[in-house]
PDB file of N, CA and C in Angstrom:
ATOM      1  N   MET A   1     -58.795 -17.048  18.478  1.00  0.00           N
ATOM      2  CA  MET A   1     -57.767 -17.979  18.899  1.00  0.00           C
ATOM      3  C   MET A   1     -57.475 -19.005  17.800  1.00  0.00           C
ATOM      4  N   LYS A   2     -58.517 -19.523  17.181  1.00  0.00           N
ATOM      5  CA  LYS A   2     -58.341 -20.510  16.121  1.00  0.00           C
ATOM      6  C   LYS A   2     -57.617 -19.897  14.918  1.00  0.00           C
ATOM      7  N   PHE A   3     -57.940 -18.627  14.630  1.00  0.00           N
ATOM      8  CA  PHE A   3     -57.311 -17.943  13.504  1.00  0.00           C
ATOM      9  C   PHE A   3     -55.819 -17.738  13.758  1.00  0.00           C
ATOM     10  N   LYS A   4     -55.435 -17.379  14.976  1.00  0.00           N
ATOM     11  CA  LYS A   4     -54.027 -17.175  15.307  1.00  0.00           C
ATOM     12  C   LYS A   4     -53.240 -18.474  15.179  1.00  0.00           C
ATOM     13  N   LEU A   5     -53.851 -19.580  15.584  1.00  0.00           N
ATOM     14  CA  LEU A   5     -53.194 -20.878  15.464  1.00  0.00           C
ATOM     15  C   LEU A   5     -53.000 -21.245  13.992  1.00  0.00           C
ATOM     16  N   LEU A   6     -53.978 -20.941  13.178  1.00  0.00           N
ATOM     17  CA  LEU A   6     -53.881 -21.212  11.744  1.00  0.00           C
ATOM     18  C   LEU A   6     -52.776 -20.375  11.100  1.00  0.00           C
ATOM     19  N   VAL A   7     -52.697 -19.107  11.475  1.00  0.00           N
ATOM     20  CA  VAL A   7     -51.660 -18.227  10.936  1.00  0.00           C
ATOM     21  C   VAL A   7     -50.278 -18.706  11.367  1.00  0.00           C
ATOM     22  N   LEU A   8     -50.140 -19.059  12.627  1.00  0.00           N
ATOM     23  CA  LEU A   8     -48.854 -19.540  13.139  1.00  0.00           C
ATOM     24  C   LEU A   8     -48.430 -20.826  12.424  1.00  0.00           C
ATOM     25  N   THR A   9     -49.349 -21.724  12.220  1.00  0.00           N
ATOM     26  CA  THR A   9     -49.049 -22.972  11.526  1.00  0.00           C
ATOM     27  C   THR A   9     -48.624 -22.715  10.086  1.00  0.00           C
ATOM     28  N   SER A  10     -49.303 -21.816   9.417  1.00  0.00           N
ATOM     29  CA  SER A  10     -48.952 -21.531   8.018  1.00  0.00           C
ATOM     30  C   SER A  10     -47.596 -20.841   7.909  1.00  0.00           C
ATOM     31  N   VAL A  11     -47.281 -19.971   8.847  1.00  0.00           N
ATOM     32  CA  VAL A  11     -45.974 -19.303   8.831  1.00  0.00           C
ATOM     33  C   VAL A  11     -44.857 -20.317   9.069  1.00  0.00           C
ATOM     34  N   LEU A  12     -45.044 -21.199  10.035  1.00  0.00           N
ATOM     35  CA  LEU A  12     -44.026 -22.210  10.315  1.00  0.00           C
ATOM     36  C   LEU A  12     -43.857 -23.172   9.134  1.00  0.00           C
ATOM     37  N   ALA A  13     -44.949 -23.548   8.506  1.00  0.00           N
ATOM     38  CA  ALA A  13     -44.872 -24.438   7.350  1.00  0.00           C
ATOM     39  C   ALA A  13     -44.147 -23.768   6.185  1.00  0.00           C
ATOM     40  N   THR A  14     -44.391 -22.482   5.999  1.00  0.00           N
ATOM     41  CA  THR A  14     -43.717 -21.747   4.925  1.00  0.00           C
ATOM     42  C   THR A  14     -42.220 -21.653   5.184  1.00  0.00           C
ATOM     43  N   LEU A  15     -41.846 -21.357   6.410  1.00  0.00           N
ATOM     44  CA  LEU A  15     -40.423 -21.276   6.740  1.00  0.00           C
ATOM     45  C   LEU A  15     -39.735 -22.628   6.586  1.00  0.00           C
ATOM     46  N   LEU A  16     -40.390 -23.666   7.038  1.00  0.00           N
ATOM     47  CA  LEU A  16     -39.827 -25.006   6.916  1.00  0.00           C
ATOM     48  C   LEU A  16     -39.672 -25.404   5.451  1.00  0.00           C
ATOM     49  N   ALA A  17     -40.653 -25.080   4.630  1.00  0.00           N
ATOM     50  CA  ALA A  17     -40.579 -25.397   3.209  1.00  0.00           C
ATOM     51  C   ALA A  17     -39.441 -24.641   2.525  1.00  0.00           C
ATOM     52  N   SER A  18     -39.232 -23.386   2.893  1.00  0.00           N
ATOM     53  CA  SER A  18     -38.154 -22.622   2.274  1.00  0.00           C
ATOM     54  C   SER A  18     -36.785 -23.153   2.688  1.00  0.00           C
ATOM     55  N   VAL A  19     -36.657 -23.618   3.922  1.00  0.00           N
ATOM     56  CA  VAL A  19     -35.393 -24.205   4.366  1.00  0.00           C
ATOM     57  C   VAL A  19     -35.113 -25.494   3.600  1.00  0.00           C
ATOM     58  N   PHE A  20     -36.123 -26.355   3.463  1.00  0.00           N
ATOM     59  CA  PHE A  20     -35.942 -27.604   2.731  1.00  0.00           C
ATOM     60  C   PHE A  20     -35.654 -27.340   1.255  1.00  0.00           C
ATOM     61  N   ALA A  21     -36.306 -26.362   0.668  1.00  0.00           N
ATOM     62  CA  ALA A  21     -36.086 -26.060  -0.748  1.00  0.00           C
ATOM     63  C   ALA A  21     -34.676 -25.540  -0.986  1.00  0.00           C
ATOM     64  N   SER A  22     -34.196 -24.669  -0.113  1.00  0.00           N
ATOM     65  CA  SER A  22     -32.855 -24.124  -0.311  1.00  0.00           C
ATOM     66  C   SER A  22     -31.791 -25.193  -0.098  1.00  0.00           C
ATOM     67  N   SER A  23     -31.980 -26.077   0.867  1.00  0.00           N
ATOM     68  CA  SER A  23     -30.991 -27.133   1.079  1.00  0.00           C
ATOM     69  C   SER A  23     -31.025 -28.143  -0.073  1.00  0.00           C
ATOM     70  N   ALA A  24     -32.189 -28.403  -0.637  1.00  0.00           N
ATOM     71  CA  ALA A  24     -32.284 -29.320  -1.776  1.00  0.00           C
ATOM     72  C   ALA A  24     -31.600 -28.716  -2.995  1.00  0.00           C
ATOM     73  N   CYS A  25     -31.727 -27.422  -3.191  1.00  0.00           N
ATOM     74  CA  CYS A  25     -31.072 -26.773  -4.324  1.00  0.00           C
ATOM     75  C   CYS A  25     -29.556 -26.821  -4.177  1.00  0.00           C
ATOM     76  N   LEU A  26     -29.073 -26.627  -2.954  1.00  0.00           N
ATOM     77  CA  LEU A  26     -27.626 -26.703  -2.743  1.00  0.00           C
ATOM     78  C   LEU A  26     -27.121 -28.122  -2.974  1.00  0.00           C
ATOM     79  N   PHE A  27     -27.891 -29.109  -2.542  1.00  0.00           N
ATOM     80  CA  PHE A  27     -27.483 -30.502  -2.726  1.00  0.00           C
ATOM     81  C   PHE A  27     -27.483 -30.871  -4.209  1.00  0.00           C
ATOM     82  N   ALA A  28     -28.466 -30.412  -4.954  1.00  0.00           N
ATOM     83  CA  ALA A  28     -28.565 -30.741  -6.371  1.00  0.00           C
ATOM     84  C   ALA A  28     -27.494 -30.018  -7.189  1.00  0.00           C
ATOM     85  N   ALA A  29     -27.018 -28.886  -6.705  1.00  0.00           N
ATOM     86  CA  ALA A  29     -26.008 -28.126  -7.433  1.00  0.00           C
ATOM     87  C   ALA A  29     -24.609 -28.709  -7.250  1.00  0.00           C
ATOM     88  N   TYR A  30     -24.445 -29.584  -6.268  1.00  0.00           N
ATOM     89  CA  TYR A  30     -23.134 -30.189  -6.026  1.00  0.00           C
ATOM     90  C   TYR A  30     -22.770 -31.118  -7.171  1.00  0.00           C
ATOM     91  N   GLN A  31     -21.634 -30.899  -7.790  1.00  0.00           N
ATOM     92  CA  GLN A  31     -21.193 -31.711  -8.917  1.00  0.00           C
ATOM     93  C   GLN A  31     -19.827 -32.307  -8.572  1.00  0.00           C
ATOM     94  N   PRO A  32     -19.773 -33.582  -8.180  1.00  0.00           N
ATOM     95  CA  PRO A  32     -18.479 -34.176  -7.835  1.00  0.00           C
ATOM     96  C   PRO A  32     -17.602 -34.370  -9.070  1.00  0.00           C
ATOM     97  N   GLU A  33     -16.318 -34.471  -8.851  1.00  0.00           N
ATOM     98  CA  GLU A  33     -15.383 -34.665  -9.957  1.00  0.00           C
ATOM     99  C   GLU A  33     -15.491 -36.105 -10.477  1.00  0.00           C
ATOM    100  N   GLU A  34     -15.454 -36.244 -11.792  1.00  0.00           N
ATOM    101  CA  GLU A  34     -15.573 -37.558 -12.410  1.00  0.00           C
ATOM    102  C   GLU A  34     -14.262 -38.330 -12.248  1.00  0.00           C
ATOM    103  N   PRO A  35     -14.332 -39.588 -11.815  1.00  0.00           N
ATOM    104  CA  PRO A  35     -13.097 -40.378 -11.669  1.00  0.00           C
ATOM    105  C   PRO A  35     -12.405 -40.574 -13.012  1.00  0.00           C
ATOM    106  N   LYS A  36     -11.078 -40.703 -12.964  1.00  0.00           N
ATOM    107  CA  LYS A  36     -10.294 -40.849 -14.212  1.00  0.00           C
ATOM    108  C   LYS A  36     -10.655 -42.122 -14.968  1.00  0.00           C
ATOM    109  N   CYS A  37     -10.999 -43.203 -14.252  1.00  0.00           N
ATOM    110  CA  CYS A  37     -11.305 -44.468 -14.924  1.00  0.00           C
ATOM    111  C   CYS A  37     -12.619 -44.421 -15.697  1.00  0.00           C
ATOM    112  N   LEU A  38     -13.490 -43.423 -15.430  1.00  0.00           N
ATOM    113  CA  LEU A  38     -14.759 -43.323 -16.141  1.00  0.00           C
ATOM    114  C   LEU A  38     -14.720 -42.333 -17.291  1.00  0.00           C
ATOM    115  N   ARG A  39     -13.630 -41.601 -17.414  1.00  0.00           N
ATOM    116  CA  ARG A  39     -13.535 -40.612 -18.497  1.00  0.00           C
ATOM    117  C   ARG A  39     -13.247 -41.298 -19.809  1.00  0.00           C
ATOM    118  N   ASP A  40     -13.728 -40.703 -20.907  1.00  0.00           N
ATOM    119  CA  ASP A  40     -13.476 -41.248 -22.256  1.00  0.00           C
ATOM    120  C   ASP A  40     -12.314 -40.547 -22.894  1.00  0.00           C
TER     121      ASP A  40
END
C-alpha cells in the first residue's frame, strides 16, 4: 500500500512538472513587438 502511494505521488509530480515546464517555455518564447518610441 505504501509503495502504491509513493508511485502515485511520483507520477502526479512528474505530470505537474511537465505541465509547468511546457507553460513556462511558451511564456518565455513570447516576444512582444517593440514600441516605435524605443527603437533606434
